[in-house]
Amino acid sequence: MLKRNLVYILIIVSALISVFNYDFSSNIGSIDFILFISAIVLIIAALILIYRDESKRKN
């Protein structure tokens, strides 16, 4: 069950990271920038999991 809901958990976590750090700094070394990049990575991971799950269902 956790494997099925992992995509939704990743999307929610990345959305929360983005909302809590709305004022993104242009300084690359800042923690806000690092959290923003981690939110993007989580969204990409969720998209990859969705694609892999949908391709398994078609076969």
N, C-alpha and C. Protein backbone atom coordinates (compact mmCIF):
# COMPACT_ATOMS: atom_id res chain seq x y z
N MET A 1 0.83 -1.19 0.00
CA MET A 1 0.00 0.00 0.00
C MET A 1 0.87 1.25 0.00
N LEU A 2 1.97 1.22 0.73
CA LEU A 2 2.86 2.37 0.76
C LEU A 2 3.47 2.61 -0.61
N LYS A 3 3.77 1.53 -1.32
CA LYS A 3 4.36 1.66 -2.65
C LYS A 3 3.38 2.34 -3.61
N ARG A 4 2.11 2.06 -3.47
CA ARG A 4 1.10 2.66 -4.33
C ARG A 4 0.93 4.14 -4.01
N ASN A 5 1.04 4.51 -2.77
CA ASN A 5 0.83 5.89 -2.36
C ASN A 5 2.11 6.70 -2.30
N LEU A 6 3.23 6.11 -2.65
CA LEU A 6 4.51 6.81 -2.58
C LEU A 6 4.53 8.04 -3.49
N VAL A 7 3.92 7.95 -4.64
CA VAL A 7 3.89 9.08 -5.57
C VAL A 7 3.16 10.25 -4.94
N TYR A 8 2.03 9.99 -4.33
CA TYR A 8 1.26 11.05 -3.71
C TYR A 8 1.99 11.66 -2.52
N ILE A 9 2.68 10.84 -1.78
CA ILE A 9 3.47 11.34 -0.64
C ILE A 9 4.58 12.25 -1.13
N LEU A 10 5.27 11.85 -2.21
CA LEU A 10 6.34 12.68 -2.76
C LEU A 10 5.81 14.02 -3.27
N ILE A 11 4.67 14.01 -3.92
CA ILE A 11 4.09 15.25 -4.43
C ILE A 11 3.69 16.17 -3.29
N ILE A 12 3.08 15.62 -2.26
CA ILE A 12 2.66 16.44 -1.11
C ILE A 12 3.86 17.02 -0.39
N VAL A 13 4.90 16.22 -0.19
CA VAL A 13 6.11 16.71 0.49
C VAL A 13 6.77 17.81 -0.31
N SER A 14 6.87 17.64 -1.62
CA SER A 14 7.50 18.68 -2.43
C SER A 14 6.66 19.95 -2.47
N ALA A 15 5.35 19.81 -2.47
CA ALA A 15 4.49 20.99 -2.43
C ALA A 15 4.63 21.72 -1.10
N LEU A 16 4.71 20.98 0.00
CA LEU A 16 4.89 21.62 1.31
C LEU A 16 6.24 22.33 1.40
N ILE A 17 7.28 21.73 0.86
CA ILE A 17 8.59 22.39 0.86
C ILE A 17 8.52 23.69 0.08
N SER A 18 7.85 23.67 -1.05
CA SER A 18 7.74 24.88 -1.87
C SER A 18 6.91 25.96 -1.17
N VAL A 19 5.84 25.57 -0.50
CA VAL A 19 4.99 26.55 0.18
C VAL A 19 5.70 27.16 1.38
N PHE A 20 6.39 26.36 2.16
CA PHE A 20 7.05 26.87 3.35
C PHE A 20 8.24 27.76 3.03
N ASN A 21 8.82 27.60 1.86
CA ASN A 21 9.97 28.40 1.45
C ASN A 21 9.62 29.24 0.24
N TYR A 22 8.60 30.05 0.37
CA TYR A 22 8.11 30.84 -0.76
C TYR A 22 9.11 31.90 -1.20
N ASP A 23 9.82 32.51 -0.27
CA ASP A 23 10.77 33.57 -0.58
C ASP A 23 12.12 32.95 -0.95
N PHE A 24 12.23 32.52 -2.20
CA PHE A 24 13.45 31.87 -2.64
C PHE A 24 14.54 32.90 -2.86
N SER A 25 15.66 32.64 -2.31
CA SER A 25 16.79 33.55 -2.42
C SER A 25 17.56 33.24 -3.69
N SER A 26 18.20 34.27 -4.22
CA SER A 26 19.02 34.06 -5.42
C SER A 26 20.40 33.53 -5.06
N ASN A 27 20.70 33.49 -3.78
CA ASN A 27 21.99 32.99 -3.32
C ASN A 27 21.98 31.46 -3.41
N ILE A 28 22.88 30.91 -4.21
CA ILE A 28 22.89 29.47 -4.44
C ILE A 28 23.24 28.70 -3.16
N GLY A 29 24.01 29.28 -2.29
CA GLY A 29 24.41 28.59 -1.08
C GLY A 29 23.38 28.61 0.03
N SER A 30 22.28 29.30 -0.15
CA SER A 30 21.29 29.42 0.92
C SER A 30 20.48 28.14 1.07
N ILE A 31 19.94 27.94 2.24
CA ILE A 31 19.13 26.75 2.53
C ILE A 31 17.82 26.78 1.76
N ASP A 32 17.29 27.97 1.48
CA ASP A 32 16.05 28.07 0.71
C ASP A 32 16.24 27.51 -0.70
N PHE A 33 17.37 27.84 -1.30
CA PHE A 33 17.65 27.34 -2.64
C PHE A 33 17.80 25.82 -2.64
N ILE A 34 18.45 25.29 -1.63
CA ILE A 34 18.64 23.84 -1.53
C ILE A 34 17.30 23.14 -1.34
N LEU A 35 16.42 23.70 -0.53
CA LEU A 35 15.09 23.10 -0.34
C LEU A 35 14.26 23.18 -1.61
N PHE A 36 14.41 24.27 -2.36
CA PHE A 36 13.70 24.41 -3.63
C PHE A 36 14.16 23.34 -4.62
N ILE A 37 15.46 23.13 -4.70
CA ILE A 37 15.99 22.10 -5.60
C ILE A 37 15.54 20.71 -5.16
N SER A 38 15.50 20.48 -3.84
CA SER A 38 15.04 19.17 -3.36
C SER A 38 13.56 18.95 -3.68
N ALA A 39 12.75 20.01 -3.65
CA ALA A 39 11.34 19.88 -4.03
C ALA A 39 11.22 19.52 -5.50
N ILE A 40 12.05 20.13 -6.34
CA ILE A 40 12.02 19.80 -7.76
C ILE A 40 12.43 18.35 -7.99
N VAL A 41 13.44 17.90 -7.27
CA VAL A 41 13.90 16.51 -7.41
C VAL A 41 12.79 15.54 -6.98
N LEU A 42 12.06 15.87 -5.92
CA LEU A 42 10.96 15.01 -5.47
C LEU A 42 9.84 14.96 -6.51
N ILE A 43 9.55 16.08 -7.14
CA ILE A 43 8.52 16.09 -8.18
C ILE A 43 8.95 15.23 -9.36
N ILE A 44 10.21 15.34 -9.76
CA ILE A 44 10.71 14.53 -10.87
C ILE A 44 10.67 13.04 -10.51
N ALA A 45 11.02 12.70 -9.27
CA ALA A 45 10.96 11.31 -8.83
C ALA A 45 9.52 10.80 -8.86
N ALA A 46 8.57 11.64 -8.47
CA ALA A 46 7.17 11.24 -8.50
C ALA A 46 6.70 11.01 -9.94
N LEU A 47 7.14 11.87 -10.85
CA LEU A 47 6.76 11.69 -12.25
C LEU A 47 7.34 10.40 -12.83
N ILE A 48 8.57 10.07 -12.45
CA ILE A 48 9.18 8.83 -12.92
C ILE A 48 8.41 7.63 -12.37
N LEU A 49 8.01 7.68 -11.11
CA LEU A 49 7.24 6.58 -10.53
C LEU A 49 5.87 6.44 -11.19
N ILE A 50 5.24 7.56 -11.53
CA ILE A 50 3.95 7.51 -12.23
C ILE A 50 4.13 6.86 -13.60
N TYR A 51 5.16 7.27 -14.32
CA TYR A 51 5.40 6.72 -15.65
C TYR A 51 5.67 5.22 -15.58
N ARG A 52 6.48 4.80 -14.62
CA ARG A 52 6.81 3.38 -14.49
C ARG A 52 5.57 2.56 -14.11
N ASP A 53 4.73 3.11 -13.24
CA ASP A 53 3.52 2.41 -12.83
C ASP A 53 2.54 2.29 -13.98
N GLU A 54 2.38 3.35 -14.76
CA GLU A 54 1.45 3.31 -15.89
C GLU A 54 1.94 2.37 -16.98
N SER A 55 3.24 2.30 -17.19
CA SER A 55 3.75 1.39 -18.22
C SER A 55 3.59 -0.07 -17.79
N LYS A 56 3.64 -0.36 -16.49
CA LYS A 56 3.40 -1.72 -16.01
C LYS A 56 1.94 -2.11 -16.15
N ARG A 57 1.05 -1.15 -15.97
CA ARG A 57 -0.39 -1.45 -16.07
C ARG A 57 -0.81 -1.72 -17.51
N LYS A 58 -0.13 -1.12 -18.48
CA LYS A 58 -0.48 -1.34 -19.88
C LYS A 58 -0.09 -2.73 -20.34
N ASN A 59 0.93 -3.31 -19.75
CA ASN A 59 1.39 -4.65 -20.17
C ASN A 59 0.63 -5.74 -19.53
